[in-house]
Amino acid sequence: MSASEVESAQPVTEQSPSPVEETDPNKVFVGNLPYDTTEDQLKALTPELEVVSVELPTRTVTKKTDQTTVELQKGHGFIVYKSSEDAAKAIELIGGKTVGEREVYARAALPPSLAPKRERKPKKTAQRSAASSASGKTKKKSKAKAKTESKPSGSESDAKSDSKEASPADQSESTSAESAAPVKKARKPVLSKEEKQKKLSEGVPSKTTLFLGNLDKSVTSKDLKELFAEYEPVWIRVPRRELPKNLYLKLKARNVQIDNKGIAFVRFKSEEDQQKALKEFENKEYKNRKLNVTVAIDSAVEAAAQASSEGKENE
């Protein structure tokens, strides 16, 4: 018998196909359930539909203290309905409902091989933690060694200190480093009541700005811009109530309006517009409050600066 005849004589074994897991169209998966959910609570999610059966999967956990085992729910369940149409309706009805204090969700039940699995982070072993700590120590040692090697010797440092003049490149580097450093804004000194009165007495009546008093605490610069729109104000300031920085940032993040101090300043293009606005709004009511409108007082420095700018414009 030839080799070809032997091969043809051997029986051919057919591989049986692997069983295909089929989904149950009548079955619904319900997730994010409390661990003490009862079957009655699961059925109560769709009282208008006929429920065939419910299932609350559990897992066995061994206590470390006394090595006893307990059955705990997995936090999800399954509901089987009479038809696939009822199952589809149940998915829509269950979405957004709560069991206990948890908002649950529903989807079509899938076989175990197709169900989404949670990715768990690998736990750190003792060897890994020891290796990471050792690598950290070696990095610190190498950094310390590099610092000691980069330090100049005593003779080099003396030579540098003896040099009287620095090179232009060094000077430019130092100036650029100084300019890059953050500059803290100096706070304005808080004036006492007597100092404020003295400042006002030394000041000069403004030719373009009005002072507004007795304002409603909710008034904003936008409100005043609309109020004085006829006279086209060029600048408006409504001082805000002073708050701690952290509280101010919290209120701003929540879009909470911060009250003003009840005063404001409005500047116009000319003295003529200022006087017209003064006549119209003096003792006028705005937001159920009688406005106190007067000519603002510029400080002596501001008045001198304004006078000099006006003089330059006239030249």
C-alpha atoms as a PDB file:
ATOM      1  CA  MET A   1       0.000   0.000   0.000  1.00  0.00           C
ATOM      2  CA  SER A   2       1.493   3.359  -0.980  1.00  0.00           C
ATOM      3  CA  ALA A   3       1.808   6.376   1.300  1.00  0.00           C
ATOM      4  CA  SER A   4      -0.952   8.172  -0.559  1.00  0.00           C
ATOM      5  CA  GLU A   5      -3.288   5.236  -0.037  1.00  0.00           C
ATOM      6  CA  VAL A   6      -2.464   5.189   3.710  1.00  0.00           C
ATOM      7  CA  GLU A   7      -3.261   8.890   4.041  1.00  0.00           C
ATOM      8  CA  SER A   8      -6.555   8.414   2.201  1.00  0.00           C
ATOM      9  CA  ALA A   9      -7.455   5.458   4.402  1.00  0.00           C
ATOM     10  CA  GLN A  10      -7.071   7.488   7.663  1.00  0.00           C
ATOM     11  CA  PRO A  11     -10.426   8.738   9.035  1.00  0.00           C
ATOM     12  CA  VAL A  12     -10.973  12.498   8.865  1.00  0.00           C
ATOM     13  CA  THR A  13     -12.121  13.991  12.209  1.00  0.00           C
ATOM     14  CA  GLU A  14     -14.334  17.059  11.932  1.00  0.00           C
ATOM     15  CA  GLN A  15     -13.971  19.756  14.610  1.00  0.00           C
ATOM     16  CA  SER A  16     -17.256  20.467  16.314  1.00  0.00           C
ATOM     17  CA  PRO A  17     -18.143  24.167  16.323  1.00  0.00           C
ATOM     18  CA  SER A  18     -17.878  25.985  19.673  1.00  0.00           C
ATOM     19  CA  PRO A  19     -21.266  26.628  21.241  1.00  0.00           C
ATOM     20  CA  VAL A  20     -22.536  30.150  20.528  1.00  0.00           C
ATOM     21  CA  GLU A  21     -23.948  32.010  23.512  1.00  0.00           C
ATOM     22  CA  GLU A  22     -27.292  33.481  22.618  1.00  0.00           C
ATOM     23  CA  THR A  23     -28.801  36.571  24.213  1.00  0.00           C
ATOM     24  CA  ASP A  24     -32.235  36.397  25.761  1.00  0.00           C
ATOM     25  CA  PRO A  25     -34.304  39.196  24.173  1.00  0.00           C
ATOM     26  CA  ASN A  26     -36.708  39.108  27.125  1.00  0.00           C
ATOM     27  CA  LYS A  27     -33.963  39.656  29.715  1.00  0.00           C
ATOM     28  CA  VAL A  28     -32.903  43.102  31.031  1.00  0.00           C
ATOM     29  CA  PHE A  29     -29.768  44.008  32.992  1.00  0.00           C
ATOM     30  CA  VAL A  30     -30.195  46.577  35.835  1.00  0.00           C
ATOM     31  CA  GLY A  31     -27.021  48.206  37.174  1.00  0.00           C
ATOM     32  CA  ASN A  32     -25.885  50.393  40.116  1.00  0.00           C
ATOM     33  CA  LEU A  33     -28.178  48.627  42.590  1.00  0.00           C
ATOM     34  CA  PRO A  34     -27.650  48.901  46.368  1.00  0.00           C
ATOM     35  CA  TYR A  35     -26.093  45.779  47.902  1.00  0.00           C
ATOM     36  CA  ASP A  36     -29.203  45.137  50.005  1.00  0.00           C
ATOM     37  CA  THR A  37     -31.734  45.238  47.129  1.00  0.00           C
ATOM     38  CA  THR A  38     -34.644  42.804  47.399  1.00  0.00           C
ATOM     39  CA  GLU A  39     -36.473  40.993  44.593  1.00  0.00           C
ATOM     40  CA  ASP A  40     -39.624  42.973  45.373  1.00  0.00           C
ATOM     41  CA  GLN A  41     -37.753  46.248  44.858  1.00  0.00           C
ATOM     42  CA  LEU A  42     -36.488  44.980  41.514  1.00  0.00           C
ATOM     43  CA  LYS A  43     -40.014  44.003  40.410  1.00  0.00           C
ATOM     44  CA  ALA A  44     -41.386  47.373  41.575  1.00  0.00           C
ATOM     45  CA  LEU A  45     -39.272  49.191  38.952  1.00  0.00           C
ATOM     46  CA  THR A  46     -41.813  48.229  36.242  1.00  0.00           C
ATOM     47  CA  PRO A  47     -45.184  47.579  37.905  1.00  0.00           C
ATOM     48  CA  GLU A  48     -46.998  48.167  34.620  1.00  0.00           C
ATOM     49  CA  LEU A  49     -45.224  45.221  32.924  1.00  0.00           C
ATOM     50  CA  GLU A  50     -45.525  41.466  33.588  1.00  0.00           C
ATOM     51  CA  VAL A  51     -42.333  40.120  35.211  1.00  0.00           C
ATOM     52  CA  VAL A  52     -41.551  36.424  34.713  1.00  0.00           C
ATOM     53  CA  SER A  53     -38.556  36.211  37.078  1.00  0.00           C
ATOM     54  CA  VAL A  54     -35.823  38.289  38.743  1.00  0.00           C
ATOM     55  CA  GLU A  55     -32.241  37.461  39.710  1.00  0.00           C
ATOM     56  CA  LEU A  56     -29.780  39.161  42.080  1.00  0.00           C
ATOM     57  CA  PRO A  57     -26.319  37.602  41.536  1.00  0.00           C
ATOM     58  CA  THR A  58     -24.124  37.161  44.629  1.00  0.00           C
ATOM     59  CA  ARG A  59     -20.492  36.397  45.387  1.00  0.00           C
ATOM     60  CA  THR A  60     -18.926  34.549  48.304  1.00  0.00           C
ATOM     61  CA  VAL A  61     -16.570  36.578  50.499  1.00  0.00           C
ATOM     62  CA  THR A  62     -14.382  35.171  53.288  1.00  0.00           C
ATOM     63  CA  LYS A  63     -13.906  37.375  56.355  1.00  0.00           C
ATOM     64  CA  LYS A  64     -10.295  37.830  57.462  1.00  0.00           C
ATOM     65  CA  THR A  65     -11.206  38.000  61.131  1.00  0.00           C
ATOM     66  CA  ASP A  66     -12.873  34.613  61.655  1.00  0.00           C
ATOM     67  CA  GLN A  67     -12.569  33.016  58.157  1.00  0.00           C
ATOM     68  CA  THR A  68     -16.344  32.746  57.849  1.00  0.00           C
ATOM     69  CA  THR A  69     -17.971  33.114  54.442  1.00  0.00           C
ATOM     70  CA  VAL A  70     -20.818  35.480  53.583  1.00  0.00           C
ATOM     71  CA  GLU A  71     -22.888  35.984  50.437  1.00  0.00           C
ATOM     72  CA  LEU A  72     -22.845  39.558  49.106  1.00  0.00           C
ATOM     73  CA  GLN A  73     -24.750  40.982  46.158  1.00  0.00           C
ATOM     74  CA  LYS A  74     -22.757  42.161  43.131  1.00  0.00           C
ATOM     75  CA  GLY A  75     -24.669  45.444  42.751  1.00  0.00           C
ATOM     76  CA  HIS A  76     -26.655  44.449  39.655  1.00  0.00           C
ATOM     77  CA  GLY A  77     -29.624  42.268  38.747  1.00  0.00           C
ATOM     78  CA  PHE A  78     -31.641  40.753  35.913  1.00  0.00           C
ATOM     79  CA  ILE A  79     -35.360  40.928  35.097  1.00  0.00           C
ATOM     80  CA  VAL A  80     -37.007  38.537  32.650  1.00  0.00           C
ATOM     81  CA  TYR A  81     -40.218  39.757  30.982  1.00  0.00           C
ATOM     82  CA  LYS A  82     -42.942  37.962  29.032  1.00  0.00           C
ATOM     83  CA  SER A  83     -41.866  39.391  25.656  1.00  0.00           C
ATOM     84  CA  SER A  84     -39.046  41.292  23.972  1.00  0.00           C
ATOM     85  CA  GLU A  85     -41.373  44.272  23.521  1.00  0.00           C
ATOM     86  CA  ASP A  86     -41.897  44.463  27.279  1.00  0.00           C
ATOM     87  CA  ALA A  87     -38.118  44.230  27.800  1.00  0.00           C
ATOM     88  CA  ALA A  88     -37.541  47.178  25.440  1.00  0.00           C
ATOM     89  CA  LYS A  89     -40.198  49.230  27.275  1.00  0.00           C
ATOM     90  CA  ALA A  90     -38.620  48.333  30.633  1.00  0.00           C
ATOM     91  CA  ILE A  91     -35.215  49.706  29.568  1.00  0.00           C
ATOM     92  CA  GLU A  92     -36.863  53.080  28.845  1.00  0.00           C
ATOM     93  CA  LEU A  93     -38.946  53.032  32.054  1.00  0.00           C
ATOM     94  CA  ILE A  94     -36.124  52.040  34.434  1.00  0.00           C
ATOM     95  CA  GLY A  95     -33.658  54.703  33.231  1.00  0.00           C
ATOM     96  CA  GLY A  96     -33.481  57.521  35.831  1.00  0.00           C
ATOM     97  CA  LYS A  97     -35.362  55.654  38.579  1.00  0.00           C
ATOM     98  CA  THR A  98     -33.838  55.170  42.037  1.00  0.00           C
ATOM     99  CA  VAL A  99     -33.540  52.180  44.353  1.00  0.00           C
ATOM    100  CA  GLY A 100     -32.632  53.249  47.855  1.00  0.00           C
ATOM    101  CA  GLU A 101     -30.559  56.368  47.223  1.00  0.00           C
ATOM    102  CA  ARG A 102     -28.972  55.159  43.969  1.00  0.00           C
ATOM    103  CA  GLU A 103     -29.972  56.058  40.429  1.00  0.00           C
ATOM    104  CA  VAL A 104     -30.118  52.812  38.452  1.00  0.00           C
ATOM    105  CA  TYR A 105     -29.785  52.164  34.718  1.00  0.00           C
ATOM    106  CA  ALA A 106     -30.917  49.360  32.397  1.00  0.00           C
ATOM    107  CA  ARG A 107     -29.771  47.723  29.153  1.00  0.00           C
ATOM    108  CA  ALA A 108     -30.309  44.509  27.260  1.00  0.00           C
ATOM    109  CA  ALA A 109     -28.762  41.554  29.091  1.00  0.00           C
ATOM    110  CA  LEU A 110     -25.642  40.120  27.419  1.00  0.00           C
ATOM    111  CA  PRO A 111     -23.995  36.706  27.827  1.00  0.00           C
ATOM    112  CA  PRO A 112     -20.960  36.632  30.190  1.00  0.00           C
ATOM    113  CA  SER A 113     -18.462  36.532  27.308  1.00  0.00           C
ATOM    114  CA  LEU A 114     -19.838  39.761  25.784  1.00  0.00           C
ATOM    115  CA  ALA A 115     -20.605  41.667  28.978  1.00  0.00           C
ATOM    116  CA  PRO A 116     -18.274  44.651  29.620  1.00  0.00           C
ATOM    117  CA  LYS A 117     -15.675  43.924  32.269  1.00  0.00           C
ATOM    118  CA  ARG A 118     -14.092  46.346  34.709  1.00  0.00           C
ATOM    119  CA  GLU A 119     -10.377  46.939  34.339  1.00  0.00           C
ATOM    120  CA  ARG A 120      -8.653  46.551  37.677  1.00  0.00           C
ATOM    121  CA  LYS A 121      -5.311  48.141  38.411  1.00  0.00           C
ATOM    122  CA  PRO A 122      -2.604  45.629  39.365  1.00  0.00           C
ATOM    123  CA  LYS A 123      -1.716  45.702  43.033  1.00  0.00           C
ATOM    124  CA  LYS A 124       1.773  46.762  44.030  1.00  0.00           C
ATOM    125  CA  THR A 125       3.836  43.846  45.244  1.00  0.00           C
ATOM    126  CA  ALA A 126       6.487  44.106  47.920  1.00  0.00           C
ATOM    127  CA  GLN A 127       9.231  43.603  45.308  1.00  0.00           C
ATOM    128  CA  ARG A 128       7.905  46.446  43.116  1.00  0.00           C
ATOM    129  CA  SER A 129       7.628  48.869  46.031  1.00  0.00           C
ATOM    130  CA  ALA A 130      11.143  47.984  47.193  1.00  0.00           C
ATOM    131  CA  ALA A 131      12.494  48.469  43.661  1.00  0.00           C
ATOM    132  CA  SER A 132      10.760  51.855  43.272  1.00  0.00           C
ATOM    133  CA  SER A 133      12.080  53.073  46.637  1.00  0.00           C
ATOM    134  CA  ALA A 134      15.598  51.893  45.735  1.00  0.00           C
ATOM    135  CA  SER A 135      15.475  53.678  42.363  1.00  0.00           C
ATOM    136  CA  GLY A 136      14.271  56.841  44.134  1.00  0.00           C
ATOM    137  CA  LYS A 137      17.199  56.719  46.551  1.00  0.00           C
ATOM    138  CA  THR A 138      19.725  56.258  43.721  1.00  0.00           C
ATOM    139  CA  LYS A 139      18.233  59.248  41.866  1.00  0.00           C
ATOM    140  CA  LYS A 140      18.568  61.428  44.978  1.00  0.00           C
ATOM    141  CA  LYS A 141      22.200  60.319  45.471  1.00  0.00           C
ATOM    142  CA  SER A 142      23.081  61.065  41.821  1.00  0.00           C
ATOM    143  CA  LYS A 143      21.506  64.547  42.098  1.00  0.00           C
ATOM    144  CA  ALA A 144      23.435  65.291  45.300  1.00  0.00           C
ATOM    145  CA  LYS A 145      26.671  64.113  43.674  1.00  0.00           C
ATOM    146  CA  ALA A 146      26.055  66.308  40.631  1.00  0.00           C
ATOM    147  CA  LYS A 147      25.519  69.353  42.888  1.00  0.00           C
ATOM    148  CA  THR A 148      28.769  68.788  44.795  1.00  0.00           C
ATOM    149  CA  GLU A 149      30.700  68.368  41.523  1.00  0.00           C
ATOM    150  CA  SER A 150      29.191  71.528  40.040  1.00  0.00           C
ATOM    151  CA  LYS A 151      30.239  73.667  43.077  1.00  0.00           C
ATOM    152  CA  PRO A 152      33.446  75.639  42.371  1.00  0.00           C
ATOM    153  CA  SER A 153      36.508  75.156  44.574  1.00  0.00           C
ATOM    154  CA  GLY A 154      37.692  77.785  47.026  1.00  0.00           C
ATOM    155  CA  SER A 155      40.284  79.234  44.645  1.00  0.00           C
ATOM    156  CA  GLU A 156      37.750  79.526  41.817  1.00  0.00           C
ATOM    157  CA  SER A 157      35.222  81.300  44.039  1.00  0.00           C
ATOM    158  CA  ASP A 158      37.903  83.681  45.353  1.00  0.00           C
ATOM    159  CA  ALA A 159      38.948  84.473  41.805  1.00  0.00           C
ATOM    160  CA  LYS A 160      35.384  85.244  40.853  1.00  0.00           C
ATOM    161  CA  SER A 161      34.868  87.480  43.876  1.00  0.00           C
ATOM    162  CA  ASP A 162      38.107  89.353  43.136  1.00  0.00           C
ATOM    163  CA  SER A 163      36.914  90.285  39.651  1.00  0.00           C
ATOM    164  CA  LYS A 164      35.590  93.847  39.805  1.00  0.00           C
ATOM    165  CA  GLU A 165      33.632  94.048  36.550  1.00  0.00           C
ATOM    166  CA  ALA A 166      31.231  91.488  35.088  1.00  0.00           C
ATOM    167  CA  SER A 167      31.040  90.731  31.400  1.00  0.00           C
ATOM    168  CA  PRO A 168      28.164  92.277  29.365  1.00  0.00           C
ATOM    169  CA  ALA A 169      26.685  88.799  28.816  1.00  0.00           C
ATOM    170  CA  ASP A 170      26.540  88.208  32.600  1.00  0.00           C
ATOM    171  CA  GLN A 171      24.934  91.601  33.125  1.00  0.00           C
ATOM    172  CA  SER A 172      22.279  90.921  30.476  1.00  0.00           C
ATOM    173  CA  GLU A 173      21.535  87.511  32.011  1.00  0.00           C
ATOM    174  CA  SER A 174      21.114  89.012  35.481  1.00  0.00           C
ATOM    175  CA  THR A 175      18.827  91.782  34.221  1.00  0.00           C
ATOM    176  CA  SER A 176      16.688  89.291  32.274  1.00  0.00           C
ATOM    177  CA  ALA A 177      16.413  87.073  35.375  1.00  0.00           C
ATOM    178  CA  GLU A 178      15.363  90.071  37.471  1.00  0.00           C
ATOM    179  CA  SER A 179      12.742  91.081  34.902  1.00  0.00           C
ATOM    180  CA  ALA A 180      11.388  87.510  34.774  1.00  0.00           C
ATOM    181  CA  ALA A 181      10.864  87.422  38.549  1.00  0.00           C
ATOM    182  CA  PRO A 182       7.248  88.184  39.557  1.00  0.00           C
ATOM    183  CA  VAL A 183       6.758  91.713  40.901  1.00  0.00           C
ATOM    184  CA  LYS A 184       4.359  92.052  43.823  1.00  0.00           C
ATOM    185  CA  LYS A 185       1.951  94.972  43.624  1.00  0.00           C
ATOM    186  CA  ALA A 186       2.235  97.369  46.516  1.00  0.00           C
ATOM    187  CA  ARG A 187      -1.010  97.751  48.450  1.00  0.00           C
ATOM    188  CA  LYS A 188      -2.518 101.195  48.770  1.00  0.00           C
ATOM    189  CA  PRO A 189      -2.376 102.511  52.332  1.00  0.00           C
ATOM    190  CA  VAL A 190      -5.739 102.626  54.114  1.00  0.00           C
ATOM    191  CA  LEU A 191      -6.577 106.218  54.993  1.00  0.00           C
ATOM    192  CA  SER A 192      -8.226 107.186  58.265  1.00  0.00           C
ATOM    193  CA  LYS A 193     -11.376 109.335  58.410  1.00  0.00           C
ATOM    194  CA  GLU A 194      -9.328 112.454  59.257  1.00  0.00           C
ATOM    195  CA  GLU A 195      -6.909 111.793  56.384  1.00  0.00           C
ATOM    196  CA  LYS A 196      -9.816 111.376  53.958  1.00  0.00           C
ATOM    197  CA  GLN A 197     -11.355 114.690  55.097  1.00  0.00           C
ATOM    198  CA  LYS A 198      -7.970 116.406  54.689  1.00  0.00           C
ATOM    199  CA  LYS A 199      -7.590 114.958  51.189  1.00  0.00           C
ATOM    200  CA  LEU A 200     -11.043 116.225  50.225  1.00  0.00           C
ATOM    201  CA  SER A 201     -10.379 119.671  51.667  1.00  0.00           C
ATOM    202  CA  GLU A 202      -7.116 119.921  49.715  1.00  0.00           C
ATOM    203  CA  GLY A 203      -8.774 118.657  46.541  1.00  0.00           C
ATOM    204  CA  VAL A 204     -10.344 120.569  43.663  1.00  0.00           C
ATOM    205  CA  PRO A 205     -13.940 120.193  42.357  1.00  0.00           C
ATOM    206  CA  SER A 206     -13.848 118.049  39.220  1.00  0.00           C
ATOM    207  CA  LYS A 207     -14.898 119.570  35.904  1.00  0.00           C
ATOM    208  CA  THR A 208     -16.026 116.279  34.364  1.00  0.00           C
ATOM    209  CA  THR A 209     -16.894 113.789  37.153  1.00  0.00           C
ATOM    210  CA  LEU A 210     -19.989 113.410  39.346  1.00  0.00           C
ATOM    211  CA  PHE A 211     -20.231 111.624  42.680  1.00  0.00           C
ATOM    212  CA  LEU A 212     -23.330 109.475  43.309  1.00  0.00           C
ATOM    213  CA  GLY A 213     -24.394 108.514  46.825  1.00  0.00           C
ATOM    214  CA  ASN A 214     -27.246 106.523  48.424  1.00  0.00           C
ATOM    215  CA  LEU A 215     -27.198 103.942  45.605  1.00  0.00           C
ATOM    216  CA  ASP A 216     -29.015 100.639  45.820  1.00  0.00           C
ATOM    217  CA  LYS A 217     -26.512  97.888  46.730  1.00  0.00           C
ATOM    218  CA  SER A 218     -27.328  95.922  43.566  1.00  0.00           C
ATOM    219  CA  VAL A 219     -26.551  98.746  41.094  1.00  0.00           C
ATOM    220  CA  THR A 220     -23.787  97.963  38.589  1.00  0.00           C
ATOM    221  CA  SER A 221     -21.762 100.081  36.165  1.00  0.00           C
ATOM    222  CA  LYS A 222     -23.942  98.723  33.346  1.00  0.00           C
ATOM    223  CA  ASP A 223     -27.049 100.094  35.089  1.00  0.00           C
ATOM    224  CA  LEU A 224     -25.481 103.556  35.407  1.00  0.00           C
ATOM    225  CA  LYS A 225     -24.327 103.496  31.800  1.00  0.00           C
ATOM    226  CA  GLU A 226     -27.946 103.014  30.735  1.00  0.00           C
ATOM    227  CA  LEU A 227     -29.158 105.663  33.225  1.00  0.00           C
ATOM    228  CA  PHE A 228     -26.756 108.350  31.913  1.00  0.00           C
ATOM    229  CA  ALA A 229     -26.828 107.151  28.273  1.00  0.00           C
ATOM    230  CA  GLU A 230     -28.115 110.543  27.051  1.00  0.00           C
ATOM    231  CA  TYR A 231     -24.901 112.254  28.221  1.00  0.00           C
ATOM    232  CA  GLU A 232     -22.524 109.502  26.956  1.00  0.00           C
ATOM    233  CA  PRO A 233     -20.348 108.899  30.048  1.00  0.00           C
ATOM    234  CA  VAL A 234     -16.728 108.000  29.245  1.00  0.00           C
ATOM    235  CA  TRP A 235     -15.912 106.274  32.550  1.00  0.00           C
ATOM    236  CA  ILE A 236     -17.961 104.765  35.396  1.00  0.00           C
ATOM    237  CA  ARG A 237     -16.724 103.239  38.633  1.00  0.00           C
ATOM    238  CA  VAL A 238     -18.917 101.464  41.205  1.00  0.00           C
ATOM    239  CA  PRO A 239     -16.724 100.452  44.183  1.00  0.00           C
ATOM    240  CA  ARG A 240     -17.469  96.902  45.313  1.00  0.00           C
ATOM    241  CA  ARG A 241     -17.830  95.828  48.921  1.00  0.00           C
ATOM    242  CA  GLU A 242     -14.428  94.605  50.152  1.00  0.00           C
ATOM    243  CA  LEU A 243     -14.270  90.856  50.798  1.00  0.00           C
ATOM    244  CA  PRO A 244     -11.508  88.348  51.608  1.00  0.00           C
ATOM    245  CA  LYS A 245      -9.889  87.105  48.396  1.00  0.00           C
ATOM    246  CA  ASN A 246     -10.928  83.467  48.865  1.00  0.00           C
ATOM    247  CA  LEU A 247     -14.578  84.454  49.497  1.00  0.00           C
ATOM    248  CA  TYR A 248     -14.551  86.813  46.483  1.00  0.00           C
ATOM    249  CA  LEU A 249     -13.246  84.029  44.193  1.00  0.00           C
ATOM    250  CA  LYS A 250     -15.899  81.582  45.470  1.00  0.00           C
ATOM    251  CA  LEU A 251     -18.737  84.056  44.830  1.00  0.00           C
ATOM    252  CA  LYS A 252     -17.349  84.928  41.407  1.00  0.00           C
ATOM    253  CA  ALA A 253     -17.102  81.232  40.454  1.00  0.00           C
ATOM    254  CA  ARG A 254     -20.767  80.776  41.408  1.00  0.00           C
ATOM    255  CA  ASN A 255     -21.804  83.948  39.488  1.00  0.00           C
ATOM    256  CA  VAL A 256     -23.081  85.545  42.704  1.00  0.00           C
ATOM    257  CA  GLN A 257     -23.339  89.335  42.442  1.00  0.00           C
ATOM    258  CA  ILE A 258     -21.311  91.212  45.073  1.00  0.00           C
ATOM    259  CA  ASP A 259     -22.948  94.302  46.613  1.00  0.00           C
ATOM    260  CA  ASN A 260     -21.490  97.735  45.990  1.00  0.00           C
ATOM    261  CA  LYS A 261     -20.619 100.311  48.678  1.00  0.00           C
ATOM    262  CA  GLY A 262     -23.610 102.509  47.828  1.00  0.00           C
ATOM    263  CA  ILE A 263     -21.525 105.063  45.926  1.00  0.00           C
ATOM    264  CA  ALA A 264     -20.273 105.577  42.360  1.00  0.00           C
ATOM    265  CA  PHE A 265     -18.319 107.975  40.123  1.00  0.00           C
ATOM    266  CA  VAL A 266     -19.383 108.961  36.586  1.00  0.00           C
ATOM    267  CA  ARG A 267     -17.094 110.922  34.249  1.00  0.00           C
ATOM    268  CA  PHE A 268     -18.311 112.821  31.176  1.00  0.00           C
ATOM    269  CA  LYS A 269     -16.647 114.253  28.066  1.00  0.00           C
ATOM    270  CA  SER A 270     -17.071 117.888  29.090  1.00  0.00           C
ATOM    271  CA  GLU A 271     -18.058 120.141  31.967  1.00  0.00           C
ATOM    272  CA  GLU A 272     -21.223 121.042  30.065  1.00  0.00           C
ATOM    273  CA  ASP A 273     -22.398 117.393  30.047  1.00  0.00           C
ATOM    274  CA  GLN A 274     -21.453 117.083  33.715  1.00  0.00           C
ATOM    275  CA  GLN A 275     -23.578 120.102  34.719  1.00  0.00           C
ATOM    276  CA  LYS A 276     -26.560 118.932  32.628  1.00  0.00           C
ATOM    277  CA  ALA A 277     -26.475 115.510  34.260  1.00  0.00           C
ATOM    278  CA  LEU A 278     -26.148 117.125  37.704  1.00  0.00           C
ATOM    279  CA  LYS A 279     -29.289 119.232  37.180  1.00  0.00           C
ATOM    280  CA  GLU A 280     -31.320 116.318  35.839  1.00  0.00           C
ATOM    281  CA  PHE A 281     -30.383 113.647  38.408  1.00  0.00           C
ATOM    282  CA  GLU A 282     -29.970 115.726  41.584  1.00  0.00           C
ATOM    283  CA  ASN A 283     -32.450 114.355  44.178  1.00  0.00           C
ATOM    284  CA  LYS A 284     -33.905 112.003  41.558  1.00  0.00           C
ATOM    285  CA  GLU A 285     -35.189 108.571  42.651  1.00  0.00           C
ATOM    286  CA  TYR A 286     -33.568 105.469  41.202  1.00  0.00           C
ATOM    287  CA  LYS A 287     -34.526 101.942  42.290  1.00  0.00           C
ATOM    288  CA  ASN A 288     -36.655 103.327  45.169  1.00  0.00           C
ATOM    289  CA  ARG A 289     -33.751 105.449  46.495  1.00  0.00           C
ATOM    290  CA  LYS A 290     -33.272 109.220  46.360  1.00  0.00           C
ATOM    291  CA  LEU A 291     -29.911 109.815  44.674  1.00  0.00           C
ATOM    292  CA  ASN A 292     -27.314 112.106  46.230  1.00  0.00           C
ATOM    293  CA  VAL A 293     -25.590 113.610  43.155  1.00  0.00           C
ATOM    294  CA  THR A 294     -22.771 116.140  43.613  1.00  0.00           C
ATOM    295  CA  VAL A 295     -19.617 117.279  41.844  1.00  0.00           C
ATOM    296  CA  ALA A 296     -16.764 114.873  42.608  1.00  0.00           C
ATOM    297  CA  ILE A 297     -13.594 116.162  44.297  1.00  0.00           C
ATOM    298  CA  ASP A 298     -10.308 115.458  42.556  1.00  0.00           C
ATOM    299  CA  SER A 299      -7.174 115.235  44.668  1.00  0.00           C
ATOM    300  CA  ALA A 300      -4.566 117.996  44.259  1.00  0.00           C
ATOM    301  CA  VAL A 301      -2.320 115.637  42.262  1.00  0.00           C
ATOM    302  CA  GLU A 302      -5.145 114.571  39.912  1.00  0.00           C
ATOM    303  CA  ALA A 303      -6.222 118.198  39.412  1.00  0.00           C
ATOM    304  CA  ALA A 304      -2.664 119.288  38.543  1.00  0.00           C
ATOM    305  CA  ALA A 305      -2.271 116.397  36.088  1.00  0.00           C
ATOM    306  CA  GLN A 306      -5.590 117.228  34.434  1.00  0.00           C
ATOM    307  CA  ALA A 307      -4.692 120.914  34.181  1.00  0.00           C
ATOM    308  CA  SER A 308      -1.334 120.110  32.571  1.00  0.00           C
ATOM    309  CA  SER A 309      -2.978 117.760  30.040  1.00  0.00           C
ATOM    310  CA  GLU A 310      -5.529 120.433  29.156  1.00  0.00           C
ATOM    311  CA  GLY A 311      -2.736 122.960  28.741  1.00  0.00           C
ATOM    312  CA  LYS A 312      -0.896 120.665  26.320  1.00  0.00           C
ATOM    313  CA  GLU A 313      -4.056 120.182  24.271  1.00  0.00           C
ATOM    314  CA  ASN A 314      -4.584 123.965  23.993  1.00  0.00           C
ATOM    315  CA  GLU A 315      -0.996 124.597  22.769  1.00  0.00           C
END
